[in-house]
Amino acid sequence: MDRPLVDVRDMLVVHTALLREFRLAPMAVTRTASGDRRRVAAVAAHLRFVCELLHHHHQGEDALLWPPLRERAAPAAQRLIDEGETQHDGLDAALRRVGELLEAWVETPDVGNRDGLAGHLGALHVLLRDHLEFEERVLLPLAAGVLTSGEWHAIGAAAAAAMPKPALALAFGMFAYEGDPAVLRDMLRAAPAVPRLVLPRVAPRLYARRARTIHGTARP
């Protein structure tokens, strides 16, 4: 008898949040006046946060998704897995470049550094959009068919474990903004009782406050 497919909808919630933040990132940068170091610091902190979130998300996939996919997927799927890994490499390089340009902007917050960073953030968003579309269309259905539920949830758990604990509430608020409530409840199912009860109330407020600061509205 066929094994039930693993529920991979939690990955869609994460993808939606990442795409939104990277789509909005260039505008957050270009709205910052030249020399406004206070605003630069706030935007830079947010960009570091979302870049780290993406980095740890991909680290979890590199360590815990690609190996079992390669081992269990049909031979015809191997080139698709190769493509996913190649896209990760391109995104990693783009993230590193954004990090360099971000620190240059923090050091010298002039128009040239600002606009250079915004341009690379826009390019990163395009790469990310195309990669996540490929992942959702091709790789997640493969994963749903060959991974166990425990293996799947270990990917998200590894990404969460790599983040500083104070950042997790903001990340969950970011996910909750557009996330399916049923999927969000499932994402918290294994959490201790207190975070499971508190995060659904507190995390959206944390994200709304961050969004007002960075994007100019609590509902970007």
C-alpha atoms as a PDB file:
ATOM      1  CA  MET A   1       0.000   0.000   0.000  1.00  0.00           C
ATOM      2  CA  ASP A   2       1.282   3.457  -0.879  1.00  0.00           C
ATOM      3  CA  ARG A   3       2.501   5.622   1.983  1.00  0.00           C
ATOM      4  CA  PRO A   4       0.553   8.890   2.457  1.00  0.00           C
ATOM      5  CA  LEU A   5       2.258  11.963   1.061  1.00  0.00           C
ATOM      6  CA  VAL A   6       4.029  14.177   3.588  1.00  0.00           C
ATOM      7  CA  ASP A   7       2.345  17.539   4.169  1.00  0.00           C
ATOM      8  CA  VAL A   8       4.821  20.111   2.821  1.00  0.00           C
ATOM      9  CA  ARG A   9       2.576  23.173   3.132  1.00  0.00           C
ATOM     10  CA  ASP A  10       4.723  24.641   5.918  1.00  0.00           C
ATOM     11  CA  MET A  11       7.411  25.250   3.298  1.00  0.00           C
ATOM     12  CA  LEU A  12       4.928  27.276   1.248  1.00  0.00           C
ATOM     13  CA  VAL A  13       4.289  29.500   4.281  1.00  0.00           C
ATOM     14  CA  VAL A  14       8.022  30.137   4.664  1.00  0.00           C
ATOM     15  CA  HIS A  15       8.441  30.785   0.945  1.00  0.00           C
ATOM     16  CA  THR A  16       5.596  33.309   0.888  1.00  0.00           C
ATOM     17  CA  ALA A  17       7.162  35.287   3.731  1.00  0.00           C
ATOM     18  CA  LEU A  18      10.645  35.258   2.211  1.00  0.00           C
ATOM     19  CA  LEU A  19       9.378  36.337  -1.195  1.00  0.00           C
ATOM     20  CA  ARG A  20       7.407  39.193   0.315  1.00  0.00           C
ATOM     21  CA  GLU A  21      10.333  40.530   2.328  1.00  0.00           C
ATOM     22  CA  PHE A  22      12.802  40.329  -0.557  1.00  0.00           C
ATOM     23  CA  ARG A  23      10.275  41.898  -2.928  1.00  0.00           C
ATOM     24  CA  LEU A  24       9.851  44.822  -0.522  1.00  0.00           C
ATOM     25  CA  ALA A  25      13.553  45.106   0.379  1.00  0.00           C
ATOM     26  CA  PRO A  26      14.689  47.362  -2.509  1.00  0.00           C
ATOM     27  CA  MET A  27      11.933  49.867  -1.727  1.00  0.00           C
ATOM     28  CA  ALA A  28      12.836  49.861   1.963  1.00  0.00           C
ATOM     29  CA  VAL A  29      16.385  50.792   0.965  1.00  0.00           C
ATOM     30  CA  THR A  30      15.557  53.444  -1.629  1.00  0.00           C
ATOM     31  CA  ARG A  31      13.110  55.184   0.729  1.00  0.00           C
ATOM     32  CA  THR A  32      16.044  55.878   3.046  1.00  0.00           C
ATOM     33  CA  ALA A  33      17.469  59.372   2.701  1.00  0.00           C
ATOM     34  CA  SER A  34      21.190  59.745   2.104  1.00  0.00           C
ATOM     35  CA  GLY A  35      23.007  60.102   5.419  1.00  0.00           C
ATOM     36  CA  ASP A  36      20.043  59.030   7.602  1.00  0.00           C
ATOM     37  CA  ARG A  37      22.100  56.719   9.773  1.00  0.00           C
ATOM     38  CA  ARG A  38      19.266  55.895  12.171  1.00  0.00           C
ATOM     39  CA  ARG A  39      17.041  54.703   9.343  1.00  0.00           C
ATOM     40  CA  VAL A  40      19.971  52.918   7.683  1.00  0.00           C
ATOM     41  CA  ALA A  41      20.652  51.005  10.910  1.00  0.00           C
ATOM     42  CA  ALA A  42      17.014  49.919  11.204  1.00  0.00           C
ATOM     43  CA  VAL A  43      16.766  48.774   7.591  1.00  0.00           C
ATOM     44  CA  ALA A  44      20.149  47.042   7.784  1.00  0.00           C
ATOM     45  CA  ALA A  45      19.077  45.096  10.877  1.00  0.00           C
ATOM     46  CA  HIS A  46      15.965  43.907   9.063  1.00  0.00           C
ATOM     47  CA  LEU A  47      17.893  42.930   5.948  1.00  0.00           C
ATOM     48  CA  ARG A  48      20.431  40.979   7.995  1.00  0.00           C
ATOM     49  CA  PHE A  49      17.526  39.178   9.645  1.00  0.00           C
ATOM     50  CA  VAL A  50      15.807  38.125   6.418  1.00  0.00           C
ATOM     51  CA  CYS A  51      19.120  37.199   4.768  1.00  0.00           C
ATOM     52  CA  GLU A  52      19.989  34.992   7.745  1.00  0.00           C
ATOM     53  CA  LEU A  53      16.524  33.458   7.610  1.00  0.00           C
ATOM     54  CA  LEU A  54      16.999  32.559   3.947  1.00  0.00           C
ATOM     55  CA  HIS A  55      20.532  31.300   4.585  1.00  0.00           C
ATOM     56  CA  HIS A  56      19.461  28.950   7.390  1.00  0.00           C
ATOM     57  CA  HIS A  57      16.445  27.803   5.386  1.00  0.00           C
ATOM     58  CA  HIS A  58      18.761  26.757   2.570  1.00  0.00           C
ATOM     59  CA  GLN A  59      21.303  25.203   4.925  1.00  0.00           C
ATOM     60  CA  GLY A  60      18.581  22.931   6.273  1.00  0.00           C
ATOM     61  CA  GLU A  61      17.635  21.881   2.758  1.00  0.00           C
ATOM     62  CA  ASP A  62      21.251  21.324   1.728  1.00  0.00           C
ATOM     63  CA  ALA A  63      21.891  19.055   4.709  1.00  0.00           C
ATOM     64  CA  LEU A  64      18.565  17.281   5.113  1.00  0.00           C
ATOM     65  CA  LEU A  65      16.591  17.498   1.866  1.00  0.00           C
ATOM     66  CA  TRP A  66      18.977  16.921  -1.036  1.00  0.00           C
ATOM     67  CA  PRO A  67      20.644  13.730   0.323  1.00  0.00           C
ATOM     68  CA  PRO A  68      17.442  11.686   0.823  1.00  0.00           C
ATOM     69  CA  LEU A  69      16.004  13.019  -2.430  1.00  0.00           C
ATOM     70  CA  ARG A  70      19.102  11.856  -4.300  1.00  0.00           C
ATOM     71  CA  GLU A  71      19.030   8.472  -2.593  1.00  0.00           C
ATOM     72  CA  ARG A  72      15.338   7.731  -3.139  1.00  0.00           C
ATOM     73  CA  ALA A  73      14.146   9.661  -6.187  1.00  0.00           C
ATOM     74  CA  ALA A  74      13.960   8.025  -9.597  1.00  0.00           C
ATOM     75  CA  PRO A  75      17.018   8.362 -11.867  1.00  0.00           C
ATOM     76  CA  ALA A  76      15.121  10.751 -14.129  1.00  0.00           C
ATOM     77  CA  ALA A  77      14.740  13.157 -11.194  1.00  0.00           C
ATOM     78  CA  GLN A  78      18.466  13.476 -10.501  1.00  0.00           C
ATOM     79  CA  ARG A  79      18.952  16.317 -12.990  1.00  0.00           C
ATOM     80  CA  LEU A  80      16.103  18.208 -11.309  1.00  0.00           C
ATOM     81  CA  ILE A  81      17.839  17.870  -7.959  1.00  0.00           C
ATOM     82  CA  ASP A  82      21.065  19.050  -9.630  1.00  0.00           C
ATOM     83  CA  GLU A  83      19.188  22.127 -10.858  1.00  0.00           C
ATOM     84  CA  GLY A  84      17.870  22.869  -7.364  1.00  0.00           C
ATOM     85  CA  GLU A  85      21.373  22.666  -5.908  1.00  0.00           C
ATOM     86  CA  THR A  86      22.785  24.874  -8.663  1.00  0.00           C
ATOM     87  CA  GLN A  87      20.117  27.461  -7.931  1.00  0.00           C
ATOM     88  CA  HIS A  88      21.058  27.350  -4.238  1.00  0.00           C
ATOM     89  CA  ASP A  89      24.675  28.047  -5.176  1.00  0.00           C
ATOM     90  CA  GLY A  90      23.598  31.074  -7.198  1.00  0.00           C
ATOM     91  CA  LEU A  91      21.452  32.370  -4.361  1.00  0.00           C
ATOM     92  CA  ASP A  92      24.287  31.891  -1.871  1.00  0.00           C
ATOM     93  CA  ALA A  93      26.591  33.977  -4.061  1.00  0.00           C
ATOM     94  CA  ALA A  94      23.922  36.674  -4.430  1.00  0.00           C
ATOM     95  CA  LEU A  95      23.363  36.709  -0.662  1.00  0.00           C
ATOM     96  CA  ARG A  96      27.082  37.157  -0.032  1.00  0.00           C
ATOM     97  CA  ARG A  97      27.205  40.093  -2.450  1.00  0.00           C
ATOM     98  CA  VAL A  98      24.167  41.700  -0.848  1.00  0.00           C
ATOM     99  CA  GLY A  99      25.860  41.308   2.538  1.00  0.00           C
ATOM    100  CA  GLU A 100      28.968  43.100   1.279  1.00  0.00           C
ATOM    101  CA  LEU A 101      26.946  45.940  -0.234  1.00  0.00           C
ATOM    102  CA  LEU A 102      24.816  46.219   2.890  1.00  0.00           C
ATOM    103  CA  GLU A 103      27.841  46.747   5.112  1.00  0.00           C
ATOM    104  CA  ALA A 104      29.249  49.294   2.635  1.00  0.00           C
ATOM    105  CA  TRP A 105      25.964  51.222   2.856  1.00  0.00           C
ATOM    106  CA  VAL A 106      26.013  51.116   6.653  1.00  0.00           C
ATOM    107  CA  GLU A 107      29.584  52.428   6.630  1.00  0.00           C
ATOM    108  CA  THR A 108      28.912  55.137   4.026  1.00  0.00           C
ATOM    109  CA  PRO A 109      25.163  55.758   3.648  1.00  0.00           C
ATOM    110  CA  ASP A 110      25.289  57.749   0.429  1.00  0.00           C
ATOM    111  CA  VAL A 111      23.107  57.515  -2.677  1.00  0.00           C
ATOM    112  CA  GLY A 112      25.580  55.395  -4.634  1.00  0.00           C
ATOM    113  CA  ASN A 113      25.850  52.692  -1.987  1.00  0.00           C
ATOM    114  CA  ARG A 114      22.108  52.827  -1.350  1.00  0.00           C
ATOM    115  CA  ASP A 115      21.145  52.394  -4.984  1.00  0.00           C
ATOM    116  CA  GLY A 116      23.775  49.722  -5.587  1.00  0.00           C
ATOM    117  CA  LEU A 117      22.383  47.687  -2.705  1.00  0.00           C
ATOM    118  CA  ALA A 118      18.803  48.174  -3.893  1.00  0.00           C
ATOM    119  CA  GLY A 119      19.715  46.964  -7.374  1.00  0.00           C
ATOM    120  CA  HIS A 120      21.328  43.786  -6.082  1.00  0.00           C
ATOM    121  CA  LEU A 121      18.386  43.147  -3.755  1.00  0.00           C
ATOM    122  CA  GLY A 122      16.097  43.368  -6.770  1.00  0.00           C
ATOM    123  CA  ALA A 123      18.240  40.855  -8.639  1.00  0.00           C
ATOM    124  CA  LEU A 124      18.264  38.564  -5.592  1.00  0.00           C
ATOM    125  CA  HIS A 125      14.474  38.700  -5.453  1.00  0.00           C
ATOM    126  CA  VAL A 126      14.236  37.572  -9.085  1.00  0.00           C
ATOM    127  CA  LEU A 127      16.591  34.638  -8.427  1.00  0.00           C
ATOM    128  CA  LEU A 128      14.650  33.694  -5.312  1.00  0.00           C
ATOM    129  CA  ARG A 129      11.278  33.946  -7.047  1.00  0.00           C
ATOM    130  CA  ASP A 130      12.397  31.670  -9.863  1.00  0.00           C
ATOM    131  CA  HIS A 131      14.017  29.177  -7.486  1.00  0.00           C
ATOM    132  CA  LEU A 132      11.027  28.916  -5.169  1.00  0.00           C
ATOM    133  CA  GLU A 133       8.673  28.474  -8.124  1.00  0.00           C
ATOM    134  CA  PHE A 134      10.869  25.596  -9.334  1.00  0.00           C
ATOM    135  CA  GLU A 135      11.106  24.119  -5.855  1.00  0.00           C
ATOM    136  CA  GLU A 136       7.351  24.233  -5.293  1.00  0.00           C
ATOM    137  CA  ARG A 137       6.497  22.896  -8.753  1.00  0.00           C
ATOM    138  CA  VAL A 138       9.143  20.172  -8.987  1.00  0.00           C
ATOM    139  CA  LEU A 139      11.050  19.396  -5.799  1.00  0.00           C
ATOM    140  CA  LEU A 140       8.410  19.614  -3.081  1.00  0.00           C
ATOM    141  CA  PRO A 141       6.190  17.010  -4.788  1.00  0.00           C
ATOM    142  CA  LEU A 142       9.248  14.732  -4.943  1.00  0.00           C
ATOM    143  CA  ALA A 143       9.963  15.321  -1.261  1.00  0.00           C
ATOM    144  CA  ALA A 144       6.344  14.671  -0.295  1.00  0.00           C
ATOM    145  CA  GLY A 145       6.567  11.259  -1.897  1.00  0.00           C
ATOM    146  CA  VAL A 146       9.912  10.004  -0.587  1.00  0.00           C
ATOM    147  CA  LEU A 147      10.542  11.619   2.822  1.00  0.00           C
ATOM    148  CA  THR A 148       8.985  10.568   6.110  1.00  0.00           C
ATOM    149  CA  SER A 149       7.118  13.120   8.196  1.00  0.00           C
ATOM    150  CA  GLY A 150       9.960  13.100  10.730  1.00  0.00           C
ATOM    151  CA  GLU A 151      12.569  13.736   8.064  1.00  0.00           C
ATOM    152  CA  TRP A 152      10.521  16.572   6.630  1.00  0.00           C
ATOM    153  CA  HIS A 153       9.967  18.325   9.943  1.00  0.00           C
ATOM    154  CA  ALA A 154      13.677  17.984  10.774  1.00  0.00           C
ATOM    155  CA  ILE A 155      14.433  20.431   7.935  1.00  0.00           C
ATOM    156  CA  GLY A 156      12.403  23.215   9.543  1.00  0.00           C
ATOM    157  CA  ALA A 157      13.645  22.308  13.004  1.00  0.00           C
ATOM    158  CA  ALA A 158      17.265  22.641  11.860  1.00  0.00           C
ATOM    159  CA  ALA A 159      16.613  26.099  10.426  1.00  0.00           C
ATOM    160  CA  ALA A 160      14.865  27.186  13.633  1.00  0.00           C
ATOM    161  CA  ALA A 161      17.675  25.822  15.809  1.00  0.00           C
ATOM    162  CA  ALA A 162      20.225  27.860  13.851  1.00  0.00           C
ATOM    163  CA  MET A 163      18.403  31.146  14.531  1.00  0.00           C
ATOM    164  CA  PRO A 164      18.865  33.128  17.775  1.00  0.00           C
ATOM    165  CA  LYS A 165      15.902  32.412  20.051  1.00  0.00           C
ATOM    166  CA  PRO A 166      14.766  36.079  20.207  1.00  0.00           C
ATOM    167  CA  ALA A 167      14.487  36.060  16.401  1.00  0.00           C
ATOM    168  CA  LEU A 168      12.088  33.113  16.278  1.00  0.00           C
ATOM    169  CA  ALA A 169       9.034  35.083  17.410  1.00  0.00           C
ATOM    170  CA  LEU A 170       9.583  37.715  14.727  1.00  0.00           C
ATOM    171  CA  ALA A 171      10.081  34.990  12.125  1.00  0.00           C
ATOM    172  CA  PHE A 172       6.829  33.317  13.144  1.00  0.00           C
ATOM    173  CA  GLY A 173       5.043  36.661  12.949  1.00  0.00           C
ATOM    174  CA  MET A 174       6.446  37.102   9.459  1.00  0.00           C
ATOM    175  CA  PHE A 175       5.116  33.665   8.498  1.00  0.00           C
ATOM    176  CA  ALA A 176       1.752  34.304  10.151  1.00  0.00           C
ATOM    177  CA  TYR A 177       1.086  37.506   8.208  1.00  0.00           C
ATOM    178  CA  GLU A 178      -0.032  35.627   5.089  1.00  0.00           C
ATOM    179  CA  GLY A 179       0.165  32.037   6.325  1.00  0.00           C
ATOM    180  CA  ASP A 180      -2.656  29.492   6.404  1.00  0.00           C
ATOM    181  CA  PRO A 181      -3.843  29.393  10.057  1.00  0.00           C
ATOM    182  CA  ALA A 182      -4.193  25.597   9.991  1.00  0.00           C
ATOM    183  CA  VAL A 183      -0.634  25.185   8.721  1.00  0.00           C
ATOM    184  CA  LEU A 184       0.650  27.669  11.298  1.00  0.00           C
ATOM    185  CA  ARG A 185      -0.971  25.621  14.056  1.00  0.00           C
ATOM    186  CA  ASP A 186       0.723  22.502  12.720  1.00  0.00           C
ATOM    187  CA  MET A 187       4.069  24.327  12.649  1.00  0.00           C
ATOM    188  CA  LEU A 188       3.724  24.926  16.395  1.00  0.00           C
ATOM    189  CA  ARG A 189       2.461  21.448  17.241  1.00  0.00           C
ATOM    190  CA  ALA A 190       5.829  20.214  18.522  1.00  0.00           C
ATOM    191  CA  ALA A 191       6.656  23.451  20.388  1.00  0.00           C
ATOM    192  CA  PRO A 192       6.528  23.602  24.196  1.00  0.00           C
ATOM    193  CA  ALA A 193       3.169  24.599  25.651  1.00  0.00           C
ATOM    194  CA  VAL A 194       4.017  28.215  26.478  1.00  0.00           C
ATOM    195  CA  PRO A 195       5.367  29.213  23.034  1.00  0.00           C
ATOM    196  CA  ARG A 196       2.526  27.293  21.400  1.00  0.00           C
ATOM    197  CA  LEU A 197       0.012  29.437  23.281  1.00  0.00           C
ATOM    198  CA  VAL A 198       1.869  32.757  23.269  1.00  0.00           C
ATOM    199  CA  LEU A 199       3.341  32.972  19.772  1.00  0.00           C
ATOM    200  CA  PRO A 200       0.034  33.191  17.853  1.00  0.00           C
ATOM    201  CA  ARG A 201      -0.851  36.285  19.881  1.00  0.00           C
ATOM    202  CA  VAL A 202       2.536  37.971  20.263  1.00  0.00           C
ATOM    203  CA  ALA A 203       4.343  37.184  17.000  1.00  0.00           C
ATOM    204  CA  PRO A 204       1.931  38.999  14.638  1.00  0.00           C
ATOM    205  CA  ARG A 205       2.269  42.155  16.732  1.00  0.00           C
ATOM    206  CA  LEU A 206       6.062  41.929  16.541  1.00  0.00           C
ATOM    207  CA  TYR A 207       5.919  41.662  12.772  1.00  0.00           C
ATOM    208  CA  ALA A 208       3.402  44.519  12.488  1.00  0.00           C
ATOM    209  CA  ARG A 209       5.756  46.754  14.489  1.00  0.00           C
ATOM    210  CA  ARG A 210       8.713  45.752  12.307  1.00  0.00           C
ATOM    211  CA  ALA A 211       6.709  46.286   9.113  1.00  0.00           C
ATOM    212  CA  ARG A 212       5.661  49.782  10.197  1.00  0.00           C
ATOM    213  CA  THR A 213       9.287  50.680  10.834  1.00  0.00           C
ATOM    214  CA  ILE A 214      10.724  49.185   7.649  1.00  0.00           C
ATOM    215  CA  HIS A 215       7.890  49.288   5.121  1.00  0.00           C
ATOM    216  CA  GLY A 216       5.873  52.223   6.451  1.00  0.00           C
ATOM    217  CA  THR A 217       2.758  50.141   7.134  1.00  0.00           C
ATOM    218  CA  ALA A 218       1.741  47.243   9.357  1.00  0.00           C
ATOM    219  CA  ARG A 219       0.171  45.587   6.293  1.00  0.00           C
ATOM    220  CA  PRO A 220       2.803  45.674   3.527  1.00  0.00           C
END
